[in-house]
Amino acid sequence: MSTIEKSTRVNSDAILNTEKLVLSKTNINFCVKYIGDDMMVLTSRSKESDYVRQPSTVLLHADMPKAILKRFWVQLHSKRNTILINKNPIDDGGYYWVIIDFEAKLNKGDKTFSFFAKRISPSKQTIKEISRLYKKLLSIEQTMGLEVSEKYLTRFLKERNQTCDEYIKETVML
């Protein structure tokens, strides 16, 4: 039995009702190898087999901007641990926000063999701040394409004199 209570609803946004870490693991090709019971409760699924061997994109909401995800994948492939503020889908059409701390697992030959993800709930202020940026990027992607969205993100970060990781870490602290 899970130690997490079923997510509660606020309109279409679910709130993570725990301070416990929600865990998953993917292979080098980003296919799910493991998903914890708490994650299944959050997404309304009952079996780990609903996820295992599926691409990790099943854990992403359609509202996640591709410009953010592209930077994120580049960082992971370069063996850098990174964090992401992510909007995850729930099977009933809802969603929940999480801060995901990703760790690249390396073998003795310094090759990445898997990724381990720990999820915690962000503050309402963090969600408000990151939502503004994500909505803007998504709007640009839908009207002008990914390349224009990436340029906007680059300018946005340059104006703040921050990397994407620095901006996300600062936003998490809100």
N, C-alpha and C. Protein backbone atom coordinates (compact mmCIF):
# COMPACT_ATOMS: atom_id res chain seq x y z
N MET A 1 0.84 -1.18 0.00
CA MET A 1 0.00 0.00 0.00
C MET A 1 0.88 1.24 0.00
N SER A 2 0.52 2.22 -0.76
CA SER A 2 1.30 3.44 -0.90
C SER A 2 1.18 4.31 0.35
N THR A 3 2.24 5.06 0.62
CA THR A 3 2.21 5.99 1.73
C THR A 3 1.76 7.37 1.30
N ILE A 4 1.41 7.51 0.04
CA ILE A 4 0.94 8.79 -0.50
C ILE A 4 -0.58 8.74 -0.57
N GLU A 5 -1.23 9.80 -0.23
CA GLU A 5 -2.67 9.87 -0.41
C GLU A 5 -2.95 10.21 -1.86
N LYS A 6 -4.09 9.79 -2.35
CA LYS A 6 -4.48 10.15 -3.72
C LYS A 6 -4.44 11.67 -3.84
N SER A 7 -3.98 12.17 -4.97
CA SER A 7 -3.90 13.61 -5.19
C SER A 7 -5.26 14.26 -5.01
N THR A 8 -5.26 15.46 -4.50
CA THR A 8 -6.50 16.21 -4.37
C THR A 8 -6.61 17.19 -5.52
N ARG A 9 -7.82 17.56 -5.85
CA ARG A 9 -8.09 18.41 -6.99
C ARG A 9 -8.26 19.87 -6.61
N VAL A 10 -7.70 20.72 -7.41
CA VAL A 10 -7.98 22.15 -7.40
C VAL A 10 -8.19 22.49 -8.87
N ASN A 11 -9.43 22.60 -9.30
CA ASN A 11 -9.77 22.71 -10.72
C ASN A 11 -9.17 21.50 -11.43
N SER A 12 -8.31 21.72 -12.43
CA SER A 12 -7.73 20.58 -13.13
C SER A 12 -6.32 20.27 -12.63
N ASP A 13 -5.89 20.97 -11.60
CA ASP A 13 -4.56 20.80 -11.06
C ASP A 13 -4.61 19.96 -9.79
N ALA A 14 -3.86 18.88 -9.76
CA ALA A 14 -3.80 18.05 -8.56
C ALA A 14 -2.63 18.52 -7.70
N ILE A 15 -2.75 18.33 -6.42
CA ILE A 15 -1.70 18.73 -5.49
C ILE A 15 -1.08 17.49 -4.89
N LEU A 16 0.23 17.42 -4.93
CA LEU A 16 0.96 16.31 -4.34
C LEU A 16 0.88 16.44 -2.83
N ASN A 17 0.26 15.46 -2.18
CA ASN A 17 0.00 15.53 -0.74
C ASN A 17 1.06 14.83 0.09
N THR A 18 2.30 15.09 -0.19
CA THR A 18 3.35 14.43 0.57
C THR A 18 4.66 15.19 0.48
N GLU A 19 5.51 14.90 1.41
CA GLU A 19 6.88 15.40 1.31
C GLU A 19 7.81 14.25 0.97
N LYS A 20 7.23 13.08 0.80
CA LYS A 20 8.01 11.90 0.42
C LYS A 20 8.44 12.02 -1.04
N LEU A 21 9.62 11.51 -1.34
CA LEU A 21 10.10 11.51 -2.72
C LEU A 21 9.32 10.49 -3.54
N VAL A 22 8.99 10.87 -4.76
CA VAL A 22 8.33 9.98 -5.71
C VAL A 22 9.40 9.61 -6.73
N LEU A 23 9.65 8.31 -6.92
CA LEU A 23 10.82 7.85 -7.65
C LEU A 23 10.49 7.14 -8.96
N SER A 24 11.43 7.27 -9.92
CA SER A 24 11.38 6.47 -11.15
C SER A 24 12.80 6.32 -11.68
N LYS A 25 12.97 5.37 -12.59
CA LYS A 25 14.27 5.12 -13.20
C LYS A 25 14.04 4.80 -14.67
N THR A 26 14.91 5.35 -15.54
CA THR A 26 14.83 5.06 -16.97
C THR A 26 16.18 4.55 -17.45
N ASN A 27 16.14 3.87 -18.60
CA ASN A 27 17.40 3.44 -19.19
C ASN A 27 17.99 4.57 -20.04
N ILE A 28 19.07 4.30 -20.70
CA ILE A 28 19.78 5.31 -21.50
C ILE A 28 18.92 5.84 -22.65
N ASN A 29 17.97 5.04 -23.10
CA ASN A 29 17.06 5.45 -24.17
C ASN A 29 15.78 6.09 -23.64
N PHE A 30 15.78 6.41 -22.36
CA PHE A 30 14.66 7.06 -21.68
C PHE A 30 13.38 6.23 -21.69
N CYS A 31 13.53 4.90 -21.64
CA CYS A 31 12.38 4.02 -21.44
C CYS A 31 12.32 3.70 -19.95
N VAL A 32 11.13 3.71 -19.41
CA VAL A 32 10.93 3.50 -17.98
C VAL A 32 11.36 2.10 -17.58
N LYS A 33 12.23 2.01 -16.56
CA LYS A 33 12.67 0.73 -16.01
C LYS A 33 11.96 0.44 -14.69
N TYR A 34 11.66 1.49 -13.95
CA TYR A 34 11.05 1.35 -12.63
C TYR A 34 10.21 2.58 -12.35
N ILE A 35 9.09 2.36 -11.71
CA ILE A 35 8.26 3.47 -11.24
C ILE A 35 7.70 3.07 -9.89
N GLY A 36 7.84 3.95 -8.93
CA GLY A 36 7.40 3.65 -7.58
C GLY A 36 5.89 3.63 -7.42
N ASP A 37 5.44 2.94 -6.39
CA ASP A 37 4.00 2.86 -6.10
C ASP A 37 3.37 4.24 -5.96
N ASP A 38 4.10 5.17 -5.34
CA ASP A 38 3.56 6.50 -5.12
C ASP A 38 3.29 7.22 -6.45
N MET A 39 4.13 6.97 -7.45
CA MET A 39 3.93 7.58 -8.77
C MET A 39 2.67 7.01 -9.42
N MET A 40 2.46 5.73 -9.26
CA MET A 40 1.26 5.11 -9.85
C MET A 40 -0.01 5.66 -9.20
N VAL A 41 0.03 5.89 -7.90
CA VAL A 41 -1.13 6.47 -7.22
C VAL A 41 -1.41 7.86 -7.77
N LEU A 42 -0.37 8.66 -7.96
CA LEU A 42 -0.54 10.02 -8.47
C LEU A 42 -1.17 10.04 -9.85
N THR A 43 -0.78 9.11 -10.69
CA THR A 43 -1.26 9.12 -12.08
C THR A 43 -2.50 8.27 -12.29
N SER A 44 -3.01 7.69 -11.23
CA SER A 44 -4.24 6.87 -11.27
C SER A 44 -4.05 5.54 -11.98
N ARG A 45 -2.82 5.07 -12.07
CA ARG A 45 -2.58 3.75 -12.66
C ARG A 45 -2.35 2.74 -11.55
N SER A 46 -2.66 1.49 -11.83
CA SER A 46 -2.59 0.49 -10.77
C SER A 46 -1.42 -0.48 -10.90
N LYS A 47 -0.77 -0.54 -12.06
CA LYS A 47 0.29 -1.53 -12.24
C LYS A 47 1.55 -0.87 -12.78
N GLU A 48 2.68 -1.31 -12.26
CA GLU A 48 3.96 -0.82 -12.76
C GLU A 48 4.11 -1.14 -14.25
N SER A 49 3.51 -2.25 -14.68
CA SER A 49 3.61 -2.66 -16.09
C SER A 49 2.93 -1.65 -17.03
N ASP A 50 2.09 -0.76 -16.49
CA ASP A 50 1.52 0.31 -17.32
C ASP A 50 2.60 1.28 -17.80
N TYR A 51 3.75 1.29 -17.13
CA TYR A 51 4.84 2.21 -17.46
C TYR A 51 6.10 1.54 -17.97
N VAL A 52 6.47 0.41 -17.36
CA VAL A 52 7.75 -0.22 -17.68
C VAL A 52 7.85 -0.52 -19.16
N ARG A 53 9.00 -0.20 -19.72
CA ARG A 53 9.33 -0.34 -21.14
C ARG A 53 8.62 0.70 -22.02
N GLN A 54 7.93 1.64 -21.42
CA GLN A 54 7.30 2.73 -22.17
C GLN A 54 8.28 3.90 -22.23
N PRO A 55 8.21 4.73 -23.28
CA PRO A 55 9.07 5.92 -23.30
C PRO A 55 8.70 6.84 -22.14
N SER A 56 9.69 7.50 -21.59
CA SER A 56 9.44 8.37 -20.44
C SER A 56 8.53 9.54 -20.78
N THR A 57 8.28 9.77 -22.05
CA THR A 57 7.36 10.84 -22.45
C THR A 57 5.93 10.57 -21.97
N VAL A 58 5.62 9.33 -21.57
CA VAL A 58 4.28 9.06 -21.02
C VAL A 58 4.10 9.81 -19.70
N LEU A 59 5.19 10.28 -19.12
CA LEU A 59 5.14 11.02 -17.87
C LEU A 59 5.11 12.53 -18.09
N LEU A 60 5.02 12.97 -19.34
CA LEU A 60 5.03 14.41 -19.65
C LEU A 60 3.66 14.88 -20.10
N HIS A 61 3.26 16.02 -19.61
CA HIS A 61 2.00 16.65 -20.05
C HIS A 61 2.24 17.33 -21.39
N ALA A 62 1.23 17.39 -22.22
CA ALA A 62 1.34 18.02 -23.55
C ALA A 62 1.67 19.51 -23.46
N ASP A 63 1.43 20.14 -22.31
CA ASP A 63 1.73 21.56 -22.14
C ASP A 63 3.19 21.85 -21.81
N MET A 64 4.02 20.84 -21.73
CA MET A 64 5.44 21.09 -21.46
C MET A 64 6.10 21.62 -22.73
N PRO A 65 6.75 22.79 -22.64
CA PRO A 65 7.39 23.37 -23.83
C PRO A 65 8.57 22.53 -24.31
N LYS A 66 8.61 22.32 -25.60
CA LYS A 66 9.68 21.52 -26.19
C LYS A 66 11.05 22.19 -26.02
N ALA A 67 11.09 23.53 -25.99
CA ALA A 67 12.36 24.24 -25.80
C ALA A 67 12.98 23.89 -24.45
N ILE A 68 12.16 23.77 -23.42
CA ILE A 68 12.65 23.39 -22.09
C ILE A 68 13.11 21.95 -22.11
N LEU A 69 12.30 21.08 -22.69
CA LEU A 69 12.63 19.65 -22.73
C LEU A 69 13.91 19.39 -23.54
N LYS A 70 14.09 20.11 -24.62
CA LYS A 70 15.27 19.93 -25.46
C LYS A 70 16.54 20.27 -24.66
N ARG A 71 16.53 21.40 -23.94
CA ARG A 71 17.69 21.76 -23.11
C ARG A 71 17.93 20.71 -22.03
N PHE A 72 16.84 20.25 -21.46
CA PHE A 72 16.93 19.25 -20.41
C PHE A 72 17.59 17.97 -20.93
N TRP A 73 17.14 17.46 -22.10
CA TRP A 73 17.72 16.22 -22.65
C TRP A 73 19.20 16.40 -22.97
N VAL A 74 19.57 17.57 -23.49
CA VAL A 74 20.98 17.85 -23.80
C VAL A 74 21.82 17.77 -22.53
N GLN A 75 21.32 18.36 -21.45
CA GLN A 75 22.05 18.32 -20.19
C GLN A 75 22.20 16.89 -19.68
N LEU A 76 21.15 16.12 -19.74
CA LEU A 76 21.25 14.73 -19.28
C LEU A 76 22.21 13.92 -20.13
N HIS A 77 22.17 14.10 -21.44
CA HIS A 77 23.07 13.35 -22.32
C HIS A 77 24.52 13.74 -22.12
N SER A 78 24.76 14.93 -21.56
CA SER A 78 26.14 15.34 -21.30
C SER A 78 26.59 14.91 -19.89
N LYS A 79 25.82 13.99 -19.29
CA LYS A 79 26.14 13.38 -17.99
C LYS A 79 26.01 14.37 -16.84
N ARG A 80 25.27 15.44 -17.06
CA ARG A 80 25.07 16.44 -16.00
C ARG A 80 23.78 16.15 -15.27
N ASN A 81 23.85 16.11 -13.96
CA ASN A 81 22.63 16.02 -13.17
C ASN A 81 21.90 17.35 -13.34
N THR A 82 20.60 17.30 -13.35
CA THR A 82 19.84 18.51 -13.60
C THR A 82 18.48 18.41 -12.93
N ILE A 83 17.81 19.55 -12.83
CA ILE A 83 16.46 19.56 -12.29
C ILE A 83 15.51 20.12 -13.33
N LEU A 84 14.26 19.75 -13.19
CA LEU A 84 13.22 20.19 -14.11
C LEU A 84 11.95 20.40 -13.30
N ILE A 85 11.26 21.48 -13.57
CA ILE A 85 9.93 21.66 -13.01
C ILE A 85 8.99 21.18 -14.09
N ASN A 86 8.26 20.11 -13.78
CA ASN A 86 7.51 19.41 -14.80
C ASN A 86 6.02 19.35 -14.47
N LYS A 87 5.23 19.40 -15.53
CA LYS A 87 3.80 19.21 -15.43
C LYS A 87 3.54 17.79 -15.91
N ASN A 88 3.04 16.94 -15.01
CA ASN A 88 2.79 15.53 -15.32
C ASN A 88 1.30 15.28 -15.49
N PRO A 89 0.93 14.43 -16.45
CA PRO A 89 -0.49 14.14 -16.66
C PRO A 89 -1.03 13.10 -15.69
N ILE A 90 -2.32 13.17 -15.47
CA ILE A 90 -3.05 12.14 -14.72
C ILE A 90 -4.02 11.53 -15.73
N ASP A 91 -4.26 10.25 -15.62
CA ASP A 91 -5.08 9.54 -16.60
C ASP A 91 -6.48 10.12 -16.80
N ASP A 92 -7.02 10.79 -15.78
CA ASP A 92 -8.38 11.34 -15.91
C ASP A 92 -8.40 12.70 -16.59
N GLY A 93 -7.25 13.16 -17.10
CA GLY A 93 -7.18 14.44 -17.80
C GLY A 93 -6.61 15.56 -16.97
N GLY A 94 -6.42 15.33 -15.69
CA GLY A 94 -5.82 16.35 -14.82
C GLY A 94 -4.31 16.33 -14.92
N TYR A 95 -3.66 17.03 -14.02
CA TYR A 95 -2.21 17.09 -14.00
C TYR A 95 -1.74 17.47 -12.61
N TYR A 96 -0.45 17.32 -12.40
CA TYR A 96 0.18 17.80 -11.18
C TYR A 96 1.57 18.30 -11.52
N TRP A 97 2.07 19.23 -10.73
CA TRP A 97 3.41 19.80 -10.92
C TRP A 97 4.39 19.11 -9.97
N VAL A 98 5.59 18.89 -10.45
CA VAL A 98 6.66 18.33 -9.62
C VAL A 98 7.99 18.97 -9.96
N ILE A 99 8.85 19.00 -8.98
CA ILE A 99 10.25 19.33 -9.21
C ILE A 99 10.95 17.99 -9.32
N ILE A 100 11.63 17.76 -10.43
CA ILE A 100 12.29 16.47 -10.64
C ILE A 100 13.80 16.68 -10.63
N ASP A 101 14.46 15.98 -9.76
CA ASP A 101 15.91 16.01 -9.67
C ASP A 101 16.41 14.75 -10.37
N PHE A 102 17.06 14.95 -11.52
CA PHE A 102 17.55 13.83 -12.33
C PHE A 102 19.03 13.61 -12.08
N GLU A 103 19.38 12.36 -11.92
CA GLU A 103 20.77 11.97 -11.72
C GLU A 103 21.15 10.95 -12.79
N ALA A 104 22.21 11.27 -13.52
CA ALA A 104 22.74 10.32 -14.50
C ALA A 104 23.57 9.29 -13.76
N LYS A 105 23.27 8.01 -13.98
CA LYS A 105 24.03 6.92 -13.36
C LYS A 105 25.10 6.46 -14.36
N LEU A 106 26.35 6.48 -13.93
CA LEU A 106 27.47 6.15 -14.80
C LEU A 106 28.07 4.80 -14.40
N ASN A 107 28.57 4.07 -15.41
CA ASN A 107 29.26 2.81 -15.12
C ASN A 107 30.74 3.09 -14.88
N LYS A 108 31.53 2.05 -14.70
CA LYS A 108 32.96 2.23 -14.41
C LYS A 108 33.71 2.87 -15.58
N GLY A 109 33.18 2.74 -16.79
CA GLY A 109 33.79 3.35 -17.97
C GLY A 109 33.31 4.78 -18.20
N ASP A 110 32.63 5.37 -17.21
CA ASP A 110 32.11 6.74 -17.28
C ASP A 110 31.05 6.91 -18.36
N LYS A 111 30.35 5.83 -18.67
CA LYS A 111 29.25 5.87 -19.63
C LYS A 111 27.93 5.87 -18.86
N THR A 112 27.00 6.69 -19.33
CA THR A 112 25.68 6.72 -18.70
C THR A 112 24.95 5.43 -19.03
N PHE A 113 24.37 4.79 -18.01
CA PHE A 113 23.60 3.57 -18.26
C PHE A 113 22.14 3.72 -17.83
N SER A 114 21.85 4.71 -17.00
CA SER A 114 20.45 4.94 -16.62
C SER A 114 20.33 6.31 -15.97
N PHE A 115 19.07 6.70 -15.74
CA PHE A 115 18.78 7.96 -15.08
C PHE A 115 17.81 7.68 -13.93
N PHE A 116 18.08 8.31 -12.82
CA PHE A 116 17.25 8.15 -11.63
C PHE A 116 16.58 9.49 -11.36
N ALA A 117 15.27 9.49 -11.13
CA ALA A 117 14.53 10.73 -10.92
C ALA A 117 13.82 10.72 -9.57
N LYS A 118 14.01 11.80 -8.82
CA LYS A 118 13.33 11.99 -7.54
C LYS A 118 12.40 13.20 -7.71
N ARG A 119 11.16 13.04 -7.30
CA ARG A 119 10.17 14.10 -7.47
C ARG A 119 9.67 14.60 -6.11
N ILE A 120 9.55 15.94 -6.02
CA ILE A 120 8.94 16.55 -4.85
C ILE A 120 7.97 17.62 -5.34
N SER A 121 7.10 18.05 -4.47
CA SER A 121 6.09 19.03 -4.83
C SER A 121 6.65 20.45 -4.77
N PRO A 122 6.39 21.28 -5.79
CA PRO A 122 6.83 22.68 -5.75
C PRO A 122 5.84 23.55 -4.98
N SER A 123 6.29 24.72 -4.60
CA SER A 123 5.41 25.68 -3.94
C SER A 123 4.46 26.30 -4.97
N LYS A 124 3.38 26.88 -4.49
CA LYS A 124 2.43 27.57 -5.39
C LYS A 124 3.12 28.72 -6.12
N GLN A 125 4.03 29.41 -5.44
CA GLN A 125 4.76 30.52 -6.06
C GLN A 125 5.67 30.01 -7.18
N THR A 126 6.31 28.87 -6.97
CA THR A 126 7.15 28.27 -8.01
C THR A 126 6.30 27.93 -9.23
N ILE A 127 5.15 27.32 -9.00
CA ILE A 127 4.25 26.95 -10.11
C ILE A 127 3.81 28.20 -10.86
N LYS A 128 3.46 29.24 -10.13
CA LYS A 128 3.01 30.50 -10.76
C LYS A 128 4.11 31.09 -11.64
N GLU A 129 5.33 31.12 -11.12
CA GLU A 129 6.46 31.70 -11.85
C GLU A 129 6.79 30.87 -13.10
N ILE A 130 6.93 29.57 -12.94
CA ILE A 130 7.34 28.73 -14.07
C ILE A 130 6.22 28.63 -15.10
N SER A 131 4.97 28.68 -14.66
CA SER A 131 3.83 28.62 -15.58
C SER A 131 3.85 29.77 -16.57
N ARG A 132 4.23 30.96 -16.10
CA ARG A 132 4.30 32.12 -17.01
C ARG A 132 5.27 31.86 -18.16
N LEU A 133 6.46 31.39 -17.80
CA LEU A 133 7.46 31.10 -18.83
C LEU A 133 7.00 29.98 -19.74
N TYR A 134 6.51 28.89 -19.17
CA TYR A 134 6.10 27.74 -19.97
C TYR A 134 4.96 28.10 -20.92
N LYS A 135 4.00 28.88 -20.45
CA LYS A 135 2.88 29.30 -21.32
C LYS A 135 3.39 30.14 -22.48
N LYS A 136 4.32 31.03 -22.21
CA LYS A 136 4.89 31.87 -23.27
C LYS A 136 5.63 31.01 -24.30
N LEU A 137 6.47 30.11 -23.82
CA LEU A 137 7.22 29.24 -24.74
C LEU A 137 6.28 28.36 -25.56
N LEU A 138 5.28 27.81 -24.92
CA LEU A 138 4.33 26.94 -25.62
C LEU A 138 3.56 27.72 -26.69
N SER A 139 3.17 28.94 -26.36
CA SER A 139 2.47 29.80 -27.33
C SER A 139 3.35 30.08 -28.54
N ILE A 140 4.62 30.39 -28.29
CA ILE A 140 5.56 30.65 -29.38
C ILE A 140 5.74 29.38 -30.23
N GLU A 141 5.88 28.24 -29.58
CA GLU A 141 6.05 26.98 -30.31
C GLU A 141 4.85 26.69 -31.21
N GLN A 142 3.66 26.96 -30.71
CA GLN A 142 2.44 26.67 -31.47
C GLN A 142 2.23 27.63 -32.63
N THR A 143 2.70 28.86 -32.49
CA THR A 143 2.47 29.84 -33.56
C THR A 143 3.67 30.05 -34.47
N MET A 144 4.89 29.93 -33.91
CA MET A 144 6.08 30.24 -34.71
C MET A 144 7.11 29.12 -34.78
N GLY A 145 6.93 28.07 -33.98
CA GLY A 145 7.83 26.94 -34.05
C GLY A 145 8.84 26.86 -32.92
N LEU A 146 9.46 25.68 -32.83
CA LEU A 146 10.42 25.38 -31.78
C LEU A 146 11.65 26.30 -31.84
N GLU A 147 12.17 26.54 -33.01
CA GLU A 147 13.38 27.35 -33.14
C GLU A 147 13.18 28.75 -32.56
N VAL A 148 12.04 29.37 -32.82
CA VAL A 148 11.75 30.71 -32.29
C VAL A 148 11.59 30.64 -30.76
N SER A 149 10.97 29.58 -30.28
CA SER A 149 10.81 29.37 -28.84
C SER A 149 12.18 29.23 -28.16
N GLU A 150 13.08 28.49 -28.78
CA GLU A 150 14.42 28.33 -28.23
C GLU A 150 15.16 29.67 -28.18
N LYS A 151 14.99 30.48 -29.22
CA LYS A 151 15.62 31.80 -29.24
C LYS A 151 15.04 32.69 -28.13
N TYR A 152 13.74 32.61 -27.93
CA TYR A 152 13.12 33.38 -26.86
C TYR A 152 13.68 32.95 -25.51
N LEU A 153 13.78 31.65 -25.28
CA LEU A 153 14.32 31.13 -24.03
C LEU A 153 15.76 31.58 -23.82
N THR A 154 16.56 31.54 -24.86
CA THR A 154 17.95 31.98 -24.78
C THR A 154 18.02 33.45 -24.38
N ARG A 155 17.20 34.31 -25.00
CA ARG A 155 17.15 35.74 -24.65
C ARG A 155 16.67 35.93 -23.21
N PHE A 156 15.63 35.20 -22.84
CA PHE A 156 15.06 35.28 -21.50
C PHE A 156 16.15 35.00 -20.45
N LEU A 157 16.92 33.94 -20.67
CA LEU A 157 17.98 33.57 -19.73
C LEU A 157 19.14 34.56 -19.77
N LYS A 158 19.48 35.03 -20.97
CA LYS A 158 20.58 35.99 -21.11
C LYS A 158 20.26 37.30 -20.38
N GLU A 159 19.02 37.75 -20.48
CA GLU A 159 18.60 38.97 -19.77
C GLU A 159 18.77 38.82 -18.27
N ARG A 160 18.66 37.62 -17.77
CA ARG A 160 18.80 37.34 -16.35
C ARG A 160 20.22 36.91 -15.99
N ASN A 161 21.06 36.80 -17.00
CA ASN A 161 22.44 36.35 -16.82
C ASN A 161 22.47 35.00 -16.07
N GLN A 162 21.62 34.07 -16.55
CA GLN A 162 21.51 32.75 -15.91
C GLN A 162 21.48 31.66 -16.96
N THR A 163 21.91 30.48 -16.54
CA THR A 163 21.69 29.29 -17.35
C THR A 163 20.27 28.80 -17.05
N CYS A 164 19.80 27.84 -17.81
CA CYS A 164 18.47 27.28 -17.57
C CYS A 164 18.43 26.63 -16.19
N ASP A 165 19.46 25.89 -15.83
CA ASP A 165 19.53 25.27 -14.50
C ASP A 165 19.48 26.32 -13.39
N GLU A 166 20.22 27.40 -13.56
CA GLU A 166 20.24 28.45 -12.54
C GLU A 166 18.86 29.08 -12.38
N TYR A 167 18.20 29.34 -13.49
CA TYR A 167 16.86 29.92 -13.42
C TYR A 167 15.89 28.97 -12.71
N ILE A 168 15.94 27.70 -13.07
CA ILE A 168 15.03 26.73 -12.45
C ILE A 168 15.34 26.59 -10.96
N LYS A 169 16.61 26.53 -10.59
CA LYS A 169 16.97 26.43 -9.17
C LYS A 169 16.49 27.67 -8.41
N GLU A 170 16.64 28.84 -9.01
CA GLU A 170 16.16 30.07 -8.35
C GLU A 170 14.64 30.04 -8.20
N THR A 171 13.96 29.56 -9.23
CA THR A 171 12.50 29.49 -9.20
C THR A 171 12.02 28.50 -8.14
N VAL A 172 12.74 27.41 -7.98
CA VAL A 172 12.40 26.40 -6.97
C VAL A 172 12.47 27.00 -5.57
N MET A 173 13.33 27.97 -5.38
CA MET A 173 13.52 28.57 -4.06
C MET A 173 12.40 29.54 -3.68
N LEU A 174 11.48 29.84 -4.62
CA LEU A 174 10.40 30.79 -4.32
C LEU A 174 9.44 30.24 -3.30
